[in-house]
Protein backbone atom coordinates (compact mmCIF):
# COMPACT_ATOMS: atom_id res chain seq x y z
CA UNK A 1 78.76 112.60 81.50
CA UNK A 2 79.07 110.77 84.36
CA UNK A 3 82.47 111.06 86.55
CA UNK A 4 85.79 109.97 85.53
CA UNK A 5 86.99 108.14 88.25
CA UNK A 6 88.59 104.94 87.29
CA UNK A 7 89.73 102.65 84.35
CA UNK A 8 88.22 99.52 82.68
CA UNK A 9 84.57 99.44 84.69
CA UNK A 10 84.04 103.19 85.42
CA UNK A 11 84.77 103.53 81.57
CA UNK A 12 82.02 101.74 80.56
CA UNK A 13 79.92 103.20 83.39
CA UNK A 14 80.49 106.99 81.78
CA UNK A 15 79.58 105.66 77.93
CA UNK A 16 76.11 104.23 80.08
CA UNK A 17 75.49 106.67 81.00
CA UNK A 18 74.27 115.83 113.97
CA UNK A 19 76.51 113.20 115.23
CA UNK A 20 78.76 113.67 117.83
CA UNK A 21 82.62 112.34 118.47
CA UNK A 22 85.13 112.06 120.89
CA UNK A 23 87.35 114.80 118.85
CA UNK A 24 86.51 117.29 115.88
CA UNK A 25 86.62 114.77 112.80
CA UNK A 26 85.89 117.52 110.40
CA UNK A 27 86.98 115.65 107.57
CA UNK A 28 84.74 112.35 107.69
CA UNK A 29 82.64 114.75 108.89
CA UNK A 30 81.97 116.56 106.07
CA UNK A 31 82.90 113.99 103.91
CA UNK A 32 80.22 112.05 105.40
CA UNK A 33 77.46 114.21 104.84
CA UNK A 34 77.75 114.96 101.50
CA UNK A 35 76.00 111.30 101.32
CA UNK A 36 74.12 111.21 104.21
CA UNK A 37 70.64 112.09 103.13
CA UNK A 38 68.66 111.76 106.57
CA UNK A 39 71.12 113.01 108.81
CA UNK A 40 71.80 110.44 111.28
CA UNK A 41 75.42 109.42 111.15
CA UNK A 42 76.29 107.89 108.72
CA UNK A 43 76.19 107.57 104.75
CA UNK A 44 73.38 106.04 103.01
CA UNK A 45 73.14 103.80 99.99
CA UNK A 46 73.34 106.34 96.13
CA UNK A 47 73.06 105.37 92.85
CA UNK A 48 72.30 106.98 89.89
CA UNK A 49 70.35 105.76 86.86
CA UNK A 50 71.69 106.33 83.41
CA UNK A 51 68.62 104.94 81.71
CA UNK A 52 66.53 107.15 83.56
CA UNK A 53 68.11 110.10 85.30
CA UNK A 54 66.69 108.91 88.40
CA UNK A 55 68.93 108.62 91.68
CA UNK A 56 67.96 106.12 94.33
CA UNK A 57 68.31 106.76 97.90
CA UNK A 58 68.39 104.03 100.28
CA UNK A 59 68.48 105.58 103.39
CA UNK A 60 69.41 104.28 106.60
CA UNK A 61 66.42 103.46 108.15
CA UNK A 62 65.57 101.71 104.92
CA UNK A 63 62.93 104.32 103.36
CA UNK A 64 63.42 105.01 100.23
CA UNK A 65 64.24 108.57 97.95
CA UNK A 66 63.31 108.11 93.65
CA UNK A 67 64.96 111.73 92.30
CA UNK A 68 64.72 112.83 89.11
CA UNK A 69 67.40 114.89 88.83
CA UNK A 70 70.70 115.38 85.92
CA UNK A 71 71.44 114.46 82.46
CA UNK A 72 73.50 111.58 82.22
CA UNK A 73 75.26 112.59 78.98
CA UNK A 74 76.15 116.23 79.80
CA UNK A 75 76.43 116.16 84.08
CA UNK A 76 78.85 114.92 86.81
CA UNK A 77 77.50 113.79 89.88
CA UNK A 78 78.85 116.83 92.69
CA UNK A 79 76.90 115.48 96.32
CA UNK A 80 77.78 117.87 98.84
CA UNK A 81 75.60 120.03 101.97
CA UNK A 82 75.35 123.85 99.92
CA UNK A 83 72.67 124.34 102.66
CA UNK A 84 74.70 123.98 105.45
CA UNK A 85 71.60 122.03 107.22
CA UNK A 86 74.10 118.79 107.64
CA UNK A 87 71.84 116.83 105.24
CA UNK A 88 73.08 115.98 101.63
CA UNK A 89 72.09 118.02 98.80
CA UNK A 90 71.36 116.04 95.39
CA UNK A 91 73.71 118.14 93.20
CA UNK A 92 75.50 118.05 89.48
CA UNK A 93 78.03 120.42 87.71
CA UNK A 94 76.86 120.79 84.04
CA UNK A 95 80.06 120.34 81.62
CA UNK A 96 78.14 121.42 78.27
CA UNK A 97 77.72 124.75 80.05
CA UNK A 98 79.30 124.88 83.67
CA UNK A 99 76.53 125.20 85.96
CA UNK A 100 75.68 123.76 89.30
CA UNK A 101 71.99 122.17 89.49
CA UNK A 102 71.39 121.54 93.37
CA UNK A 103 68.30 120.15 94.84
CA UNK A 104 68.68 121.55 97.98
CA UNK A 105 67.42 119.35 101.32
CA UNK A 106 66.82 122.48 103.82
CA UNK A 107 63.80 123.49 101.93
CA UNK A 108 63.33 121.44 98.54
CA UNK A 109 64.31 124.32 96.18
CA UNK A 110 67.24 124.42 93.61
CA UNK A 111 69.80 126.50 93.29
CA UNK A 112 71.17 127.40 89.22
CA UNK A 113 74.52 128.77 89.19
CA UNK A 114 76.77 129.49 86.84
CA UNK A 115 80.65 128.73 87.74
CA UNK A 116 82.97 127.27 85.45
CA UNK A 117 83.38 126.28 81.94
CA UNK A 118 83.27 123.17 79.71
CA UNK A 119 86.68 120.54 80.06
CA UNK A 120 86.83 122.08 83.96
CA UNK A 121 86.74 119.25 86.52
CA UNK A 122 84.26 120.02 89.75
CA UNK A 123 86.31 119.94 93.31
CA UNK A 124 83.42 121.17 94.77
CA UNK A 125 83.96 121.32 99.31
CA UNK A 126 84.12 122.87 102.49
CA UNK A 127 87.14 125.43 101.23
CA UNK A 128 86.14 127.79 103.56
CA UNK A 129 85.24 125.41 106.80
CA UNK A 130 81.13 126.98 107.07
CA UNK A 131 79.96 124.21 107.02
CA UNK A 132 78.57 124.35 103.63
CA UNK A 133 80.07 122.57 99.92
CA UNK A 134 81.72 125.05 98.46
CA UNK A 135 81.36 125.30 94.17
CA UNK A 136 84.64 124.55 92.83
CA UNK A 137 86.01 124.20 89.58
CA UNK A 138 89.50 122.38 88.84
CA UNK A 139 91.20 124.30 84.76
CA UNK A 140 93.83 122.91 83.51
CA UNK A 141 96.04 125.03 80.64
CA UNK A 142 98.65 126.40 79.32
CA UNK A 143 100.56 123.53 81.42
CA UNK A 144 99.48 124.60 84.84
CA UNK A 145 96.12 123.57 86.47
CA UNK A 146 94.63 126.10 88.41
CA UNK A 147 91.80 126.05 90.44
CA UNK A 148 88.76 128.31 90.91
CA UNK A 149 86.64 128.14 94.72
CA UNK A 150 83.56 130.12 94.75
CA UNK A 151 83.05 130.26 98.59
CA UNK A 152 80.37 130.51 100.55
CA UNK A 153 81.87 132.32 103.28
CA UNK A 154 85.18 133.84 101.82
CA UNK A 155 84.08 134.86 97.81
CA UNK A 156 85.76 134.08 95.05
CA UNK A 157 89.43 132.51 95.31
CA UNK A 158 91.57 130.96 92.57
CA UNK A 159 94.53 129.61 93.20
CA UNK A 160 97.43 128.05 90.02
CA UNK A 161 98.34 125.00 91.55
CA UNK A 162 99.71 121.68 90.17
CA UNK A 163 100.48 121.20 86.62
CA UNK A 164 98.02 119.60 83.68
CA UNK A 165 98.91 116.76 84.23
CA UNK A 166 98.82 116.17 87.20
CA UNK A 167 95.45 114.71 89.32
CA UNK A 168 93.08 116.95 91.37
CA UNK A 169 92.68 115.52 95.28
CA UNK A 170 91.15 117.84 97.67
CA UNK A 171 91.33 117.00 102.09
CA UNK A 172 91.54 118.10 104.84
CA UNK A 173 94.70 117.08 105.55
CA UNK A 174 96.03 119.90 108.02
CA UNK A 175 92.59 119.13 110.04
CA UNK A 176 91.33 122.71 110.85
CA UNK A 177 88.29 122.62 109.42
CA UNK A 178 89.21 123.52 106.28
CA UNK A 179 89.49 120.58 102.69
CA UNK A 180 93.26 122.13 101.49
CA UNK A 181 94.27 122.26 97.82
CA UNK A 182 96.26 119.39 96.76
CA UNK A 183 97.33 117.01 94.11
CA UNK A 184 98.35 113.89 93.22
CA UNK A 185 101.36 113.71 90.76
CA UNK A 186 102.46 110.79 88.48
CA UNK A 187 106.53 109.53 87.99
CA UNK A 188 107.49 109.01 84.51
CA UNK A 189 105.49 104.96 84.01
CA UNK A 190 102.44 103.62 85.22
CA UNK A 191 104.56 101.94 88.09
CA UNK A 192 106.37 104.75 89.85
CA UNK A 193 105.87 106.11 92.42
CA UNK A 194 103.64 109.37 92.49
CA UNK A 195 104.25 112.41 94.71
CA UNK A 196 101.13 114.07 96.94
CA UNK A 197 101.68 117.76 96.42
CA UNK A 198 98.81 119.75 99.68
CA UNK A 199 98.56 123.20 99.69
CA UNK A 200 98.14 123.67 103.68
CA UNK A 201 95.03 126.08 104.80
CA UNK A 202 95.76 126.64 107.95
CA UNK A 203 99.64 128.02 107.50
CA UNK A 204 100.09 128.05 103.68
CA UNK A 205 102.47 125.88 103.56
CA UNK A 206 103.24 123.41 101.11
CA UNK A 207 104.25 119.76 102.15
CA UNK A 208 105.24 116.56 99.59
CA UNK A 209 104.26 113.26 100.59
CA UNK A 210 106.25 110.03 98.00
CA UNK A 211 102.55 108.09 98.34
CA UNK A 212 101.34 105.13 95.72
CA UNK A 213 102.16 104.69 91.90
CA UNK A 214 100.84 106.79 89.32
CA UNK A 215 98.01 104.25 88.77
CA UNK A 216 97.11 103.51 92.07
CA UNK A 217 93.35 105.42 92.11
CA UNK A 218 93.39 108.60 95.07
CA UNK A 219 90.13 107.05 97.90
CA UNK A 220 90.73 110.02 100.34
CA UNK A 221 89.19 109.65 103.68
CA UNK A 222 89.77 109.86 107.60
CA UNK A 223 90.18 105.72 108.35
CA UNK A 224 92.22 106.39 111.46
CA UNK A 225 89.59 108.65 113.12
CA UNK A 226 92.04 111.69 113.85
CA UNK A 227 90.02 115.28 112.10
CA UNK A 228 92.61 114.87 108.97
CA UNK A 229 92.57 113.38 105.18
CA UNK A 230 94.65 111.00 105.17
CA UNK A 231 96.71 109.85 101.95
CA UNK A 232 95.24 106.54 100.11
CA UNK A 233 95.29 104.88 97.08
CA UNK A 234 93.08 101.59 95.69
CA UNK A 235 95.49 99.60 93.38
CA UNK A 236 93.52 97.58 90.42
CA UNK A 237 94.60 94.07 89.35
CA UNK A 238 96.16 93.42 86.24
CA UNK A 239 93.67 90.96 85.42
CA UNK A 240 89.82 90.49 85.44
CA UNK A 241 88.96 89.05 89.26
CA UNK A 242 92.15 90.18 90.72
CA UNK A 243 91.82 91.77 94.38
CA UNK A 244 91.25 95.25 94.74
CA UNK A 245 94.49 96.61 97.40
CA UNK A 246 93.89 99.14 99.71
CA UNK A 247 96.99 101.19 100.96
CA UNK A 248 96.59 103.92 103.52
CA UNK A 249 98.92 106.13 105.80
CA UNK A 250 97.37 107.19 108.50
CA UNK A 251 98.08 110.75 109.56
CA UNK A 252 98.12 110.17 113.22
CA UNK A 253 101.44 107.74 113.29
CA UNK A 254 103.01 107.49 109.70
CA UNK A 255 102.14 104.26 109.60
CA UNK A 256 101.33 102.84 106.77
CA UNK A 257 98.54 99.85 106.29
CA UNK A 258 96.51 97.83 103.58
CA UNK A 259 93.85 95.73 103.36
CA UNK A 260 92.54 93.21 99.83
CA UNK A 261 88.94 94.47 100.01
CA UNK A 262 86.73 94.15 96.31
CA UNK A 263 87.20 92.89 92.61
CA UNK A 264 89.18 94.21 90.00
CA UNK A 265 86.80 95.10 86.77
CA UNK A 266 83.57 94.73 88.75
CA UNK A 267 84.19 96.83 91.75
CA UNK A 268 84.04 100.72 92.68
CA UNK A 269 85.18 101.91 95.54
CA UNK A 270 82.49 104.17 98.10
CA UNK A 271 84.42 104.53 100.78
CA UNK A 272 82.48 106.38 103.21
CA UNK A 273 81.19 106.21 106.81
CA UNK A 274 78.52 103.61 106.84
CA UNK A 275 78.41 102.68 110.86
CA UNK A 276 78.65 106.25 111.89
CA UNK A 277 82.17 105.83 114.45
CA UNK A 278 83.68 109.43 112.56
CA UNK A 279 86.17 106.77 110.48
CA UNK A 280 86.09 106.43 106.74
CA UNK A 281 85.19 102.34 106.56
CA UNK A 282 86.55 100.82 102.86
CA UNK A 283 83.92 99.43 100.91
CA UNK A 284 82.84 98.96 97.27
CA UNK A 285 79.91 98.93 94.84
CA UNK A 286 79.45 95.63 92.69
CA UNK A 287 78.71 96.16 89.30
CA UNK A 288 77.94 92.71 88.51
CA UNK A 289 74.77 92.39 90.68
CA UNK A 290 74.50 95.86 92.11
CA UNK A 291 75.07 95.69 96.27
CA UNK A 292 77.24 97.22 97.97
CA UNK A 293 80.24 95.62 100.24
CA UNK A 294 81.54 97.34 103.52
CA UNK A 295 83.61 97.18 107.12
CA UNK A 296 82.47 98.78 109.87
CA UNK A 297 85.57 100.21 110.90
CA UNK A 298 84.67 99.95 114.54
CA UNK A 299 84.08 96.51 115.06
CA UNK A 300 85.99 95.40 111.96
CA UNK A 301 82.82 92.71 110.13
CA UNK A 302 81.76 92.92 106.70
CA UNK A 303 78.21 94.03 105.73
CA UNK A 304 76.21 94.30 102.69
CA UNK A 305 73.25 96.10 100.56
CA UNK A 306 71.57 94.77 97.79
CA UNK A 307 71.22 98.52 95.60
CA UNK A 308 70.53 99.41 92.03
CA UNK A 309 71.95 97.48 89.08
CA UNK A 310 74.43 96.48 86.96
CA UNK A 311 75.32 99.56 85.08
CA UNK A 312 74.06 102.42 87.27
CA UNK A 313 76.82 104.75 88.83
CA UNK A 314 77.02 104.41 92.71
CA UNK A 315 77.70 108.37 94.24
CA UNK A 316 79.36 107.43 97.00
CA UNK A 317 82.65 106.75 93.71
CA UNK A 318 82.71 111.06 93.22
CA UNK A 319 85.25 111.19 95.47
CA UNK A 320 87.95 109.33 93.98
CA UNK A 321 90.71 110.38 91.58
């Protein structure tokens, strides 16, 4: 099963199927690398086709890769840099067996690792800061949320953090190069304010930040380029074709900004660094015609690339909760 990351359109899709920066932007670097299969410092355009279980990757030099990998009926997309070579690895987590399958870009070998069990949620990120994506799952039971981290350098780490009804929102919120365990806690109603709870890997402190509404989608990224993940949400409209509104709380100064970009009912968010400036770019993939649209944070210009067909799944949407 493709990652369950949104409402409406996402449900339909599920059923059908080395860059130098002025600042050490660890958060964005890690997320960009998960989608940068060529290692040129820019996210590539990648879609997964449930009808034939093939990953279609359009690289920024206009070369194309077709990679048969995974099963749409059983797997969640878990891209990342598992071998630490600075390039994206094709990877999936199989819910029926709790098994990870990763195609290493460094040598084209496949790594198979059992970690997790049916009903878990994969949350693979770099939790130990060694430049490699760590396999990790969140397990909800007895009213609690437990994080099981299989760290490539730090070993196994099990952390109870969050409640069953919370959403997992990992990110490098403190800018130390390690992803922090974090959750979004919805309020009592769909339109109540939600609260982010974050466990800092830097000093072990827990911070709470009220931001967004309970039914918003969480779209983390480093939008201001300060090396820290910003709290960010995407608000869908109540009618088809209503505009999508992005709300971002900049970690650099605490300011809140909003952008209108995309349409409810047909667009999936695919935020990432498409211009290579170290900042997350606001971006969507339009299911109706298979087109990526994004706004370069470097110059504010909108761009588009036709890649994919209706009912494909844009892999960059994996980092949504």
